[in-house]
Amino acid sequence: MNRWPSHLVLLGLIAASVSAAAPINVERYPLVGLKEIAVAIEAIPAVLEKSIDRKQLQASVELRLRRAGIKVVELDGKAGVPYLYVNLNAIRHQNLPVIACAIEVRCNEKAMLVRDPSIATFFSTWHNGTIATVGEANARQLEDSVLGIVDVFANDLLAANQK
């Protein structure tokens, strides 16, 4: 008599009950306890400078976070304040008015090595991104893509810190 199928069913039931009993979202777990965040916008690529202003993008990201109820603070690398890092890398097609852009959003926090706590640096505890192509005349739409990813971060941060 072959017991293989019944063992698979039992294993499936155990796995389902364990996952139902302890729902941990791996993406959100590192955000537990995060109370405030700064925002750092990397330099805007030259091909996007006519469409996207760095200071305006910074203000839009900060406003989006504040409207979600997240405390936004000034960036101070020495103090170790966690920060949301936004980076756009773009290139224009040689013959067509088309721009390809990689968008990256990361939550970076300061950490120390266990073996030597005097060694500390920032590392990513959450990240998301996308690759998009837009017509040169519509390059401003890339800002909407950035803000969409910021919304995902805000939702994950709020979900990780539910009271």
Protein backbone atom coordinates (compact mmCIF):
# COMPACT_ATOMS: atom_id res chain seq x y z
CA MET A 1 0.00 0.00 0.00
CA ASN A 2 1.36 3.38 -1.03
CA ARG A 3 1.03 6.09 1.68
CA TRP A 4 2.73 8.79 -0.35
CA PRO A 5 -0.46 10.73 -1.36
CA SER A 6 -1.84 10.73 2.19
CA HIS A 7 1.47 12.04 3.52
CA LEU A 8 1.38 14.87 0.98
CA VAL A 9 -2.15 15.81 2.05
CA LEU A 10 -1.10 15.79 5.71
CA LEU A 11 1.98 17.87 4.95
CA GLY A 12 -0.18 20.35 3.01
CA LEU A 13 -2.62 20.69 5.90
CA ILE A 14 0.19 21.28 8.38
CA ALA A 15 1.79 23.90 6.14
CA ALA A 16 -1.57 25.65 5.66
CA SER A 17 -2.28 25.74 9.39
CA VAL A 18 1.19 27.06 10.21
CA SER A 19 0.94 29.82 7.62
CA ALA A 20 -2.56 30.75 8.82
CA ALA A 21 -1.42 30.84 12.45
CA ALA A 22 1.58 33.11 11.87
CA PRO A 23 1.07 35.49 8.94
CA ILE A 24 4.40 37.27 8.57
CA ASN A 25 4.96 39.38 5.50
CA VAL A 26 8.68 39.23 4.80
CA GLU A 27 8.59 42.57 2.95
CA ARG A 28 6.91 44.34 5.87
CA TYR A 29 8.67 42.72 8.84
CA PRO A 30 11.80 44.93 8.68
CA LEU A 31 9.53 47.99 8.90
CA VAL A 32 8.11 47.06 12.31
CA GLY A 33 8.91 49.79 14.82
CA LEU A 34 9.90 52.39 12.20
CA LYS A 35 8.50 55.66 13.56
CA GLU A 36 9.91 58.28 11.20
CA ILE A 37 11.70 58.55 7.90
CA ALA A 38 13.67 61.05 5.85
CA VAL A 39 13.68 61.26 2.06
CA ALA A 40 16.71 61.31 -0.25
CA ILE A 41 16.25 61.91 -3.97
CA GLU A 42 19.25 61.01 -6.13
CA ALA A 43 20.28 63.46 -8.85
CA ILE A 44 17.84 63.43 -11.78
CA PRO A 45 19.41 62.15 -15.03
CA ALA A 46 20.05 64.85 -17.64
CA VAL A 47 17.56 63.29 -20.05
CA LEU A 48 14.77 63.90 -17.48
CA GLU A 49 15.80 67.31 -16.14
CA LYS A 50 13.34 69.19 -18.40
CA SER A 51 10.43 67.10 -17.12
CA ILE A 52 11.21 66.25 -13.50
CA ASP A 53 12.55 68.70 -10.94
CA ARG A 54 14.46 67.12 -8.05
CA LYS A 55 13.16 69.53 -5.40
CA GLN A 56 9.57 69.13 -6.61
CA LEU A 57 9.90 65.33 -6.56
CA GLN A 58 11.31 65.54 -3.03
CA ALA A 59 8.35 67.66 -1.92
CA SER A 60 5.85 65.32 -3.63
CA VAL A 61 7.31 62.21 -1.98
CA GLU A 62 7.39 63.86 1.45
CA LEU A 63 3.81 65.09 1.05
CA ARG A 64 2.64 61.62 0.00
CA LEU A 65 4.20 60.12 3.14
CA ARG A 66 2.76 62.82 5.42
CA ARG A 67 -0.72 62.38 3.97
CA ALA A 68 -0.44 58.68 4.79
CA GLY A 69 0.27 59.63 8.42
CA ILE A 70 4.02 58.95 8.35
CA LYS A 71 6.34 61.35 10.18
CA VAL A 72 8.91 62.82 7.76
CA VAL A 73 12.13 64.25 9.19
CA GLU A 74 15.22 65.93 7.77
CA LEU A 75 17.94 63.69 6.38
CA ASP A 76 21.00 63.51 8.66
CA GLY A 77 23.36 60.66 7.74
CA LYS A 78 25.38 61.05 10.94
CA ALA A 79 22.37 60.57 13.21
CA GLY A 80 21.38 57.35 11.46
CA VAL A 81 17.83 58.39 10.60
CA PRO A 82 16.19 55.83 8.29
CA TYR A 83 15.55 57.28 4.86
CA LEU A 84 13.58 56.54 1.73
CA TYR A 85 16.01 56.58 -1.20
CA VAL A 86 14.61 57.36 -4.66
CA ASN A 87 16.72 56.84 -7.78
CA LEU A 88 15.86 57.21 -11.45
CA ASN A 89 18.21 56.01 -14.19
CA ALA A 90 17.14 56.95 -17.70
CA ILE A 91 18.34 56.83 -21.26
CA ARG A 92 16.86 58.30 -24.44
CA HIS A 93 16.63 56.23 -27.59
CA GLN A 94 19.08 57.49 -30.24
CA ASN A 95 16.57 57.71 -33.08
CA LEU A 96 13.18 57.91 -31.38
CA PRO A 97 11.70 60.32 -28.81
CA VAL A 98 11.43 57.49 -26.26
CA ILE A 99 12.95 57.31 -22.77
CA ALA A 100 13.60 54.10 -20.85
CA CYS A 101 13.81 54.53 -17.09
CA ALA A 102 14.63 52.28 -14.14
CA ILE A 103 12.97 53.50 -10.93
CA GLU A 104 14.24 52.32 -7.56
CA VAL A 105 12.82 53.13 -4.12
CA ARG A 106 14.52 51.78 -0.99
CA CYS A 107 14.18 52.19 2.74
CA ASN A 108 17.72 52.40 4.12
CA GLU A 109 18.58 52.06 7.79
CA LYS A 110 21.80 52.14 9.77
CA ALA A 111 23.18 48.80 10.94
CA MET A 112 26.28 47.50 12.69
CA LEU A 113 28.23 44.31 12.24
CA VAL A 114 27.79 41.81 15.08
CA ARG A 115 31.46 40.87 14.93
CA ASP A 116 32.54 44.52 15.15
CA PRO A 117 29.89 47.06 16.24
CA SER A 118 32.26 49.92 15.40
CA ILE A 119 31.57 49.16 11.73
CA ALA A 120 28.23 50.72 10.85
CA THR A 121 26.64 51.56 7.52
CA PHE A 122 23.27 51.96 5.87
CA PHE A 123 21.56 48.99 4.25
CA SER A 124 18.24 48.39 2.55
CA THR A 125 15.38 46.95 4.63
CA TRP A 126 12.70 47.43 1.97
CA HIS A 127 12.88 47.95 -1.76
CA ASN A 128 10.69 48.14 -4.82
CA GLY A 129 11.07 49.40 -8.33
CA THR A 130 10.06 49.20 -11.93
CA ILE A 131 11.28 49.76 -15.45
CA ALA A 132 9.22 52.01 -17.69
CA THR A 133 9.33 53.48 -21.16
CA VAL A 134 7.61 56.73 -22.04
CA GLY A 135 7.51 59.12 -24.94
CA GLU A 136 9.81 62.04 -24.37
CA ALA A 137 6.81 64.38 -24.24
CA ASN A 138 5.31 62.27 -21.43
CA ALA A 139 8.42 61.91 -19.27
CA ARG A 140 6.61 63.65 -16.40
CA GLN A 141 4.53 60.46 -16.02
CA LEU A 142 7.59 58.83 -14.46
CA GLU A 143 6.97 60.94 -11.35
CA ASP A 144 3.58 59.23 -11.02
CA SER A 145 5.37 55.87 -11.16
CA VAL A 146 7.69 56.96 -8.35
CA LEU A 147 4.72 58.11 -6.25
CA GLY A 148 2.95 54.81 -6.88
CA ILE A 149 5.94 52.95 -5.40
CA VAL A 150 6.01 55.41 -2.48
CA ASP A 151 2.35 54.52 -1.87
CA VAL A 152 3.29 50.81 -1.72
CA PHE A 153 6.00 51.65 0.83
CA ALA A 154 3.59 53.76 2.90
CA ASN A 155 1.01 50.95 2.92
CA ASP A 156 3.63 48.38 3.94
CA LEU A 157 4.97 50.66 6.69
CA LEU A 158 1.50 51.34 8.08
CA ALA A 159 0.51 47.66 7.89
CA ALA A 160 3.71 46.64 9.69
CA ASN A 161 2.95 49.06 12.52
CA GLN A 162 -0.77 48.53 13.08
CA LYS A 163 -1.84 49.19 16.64
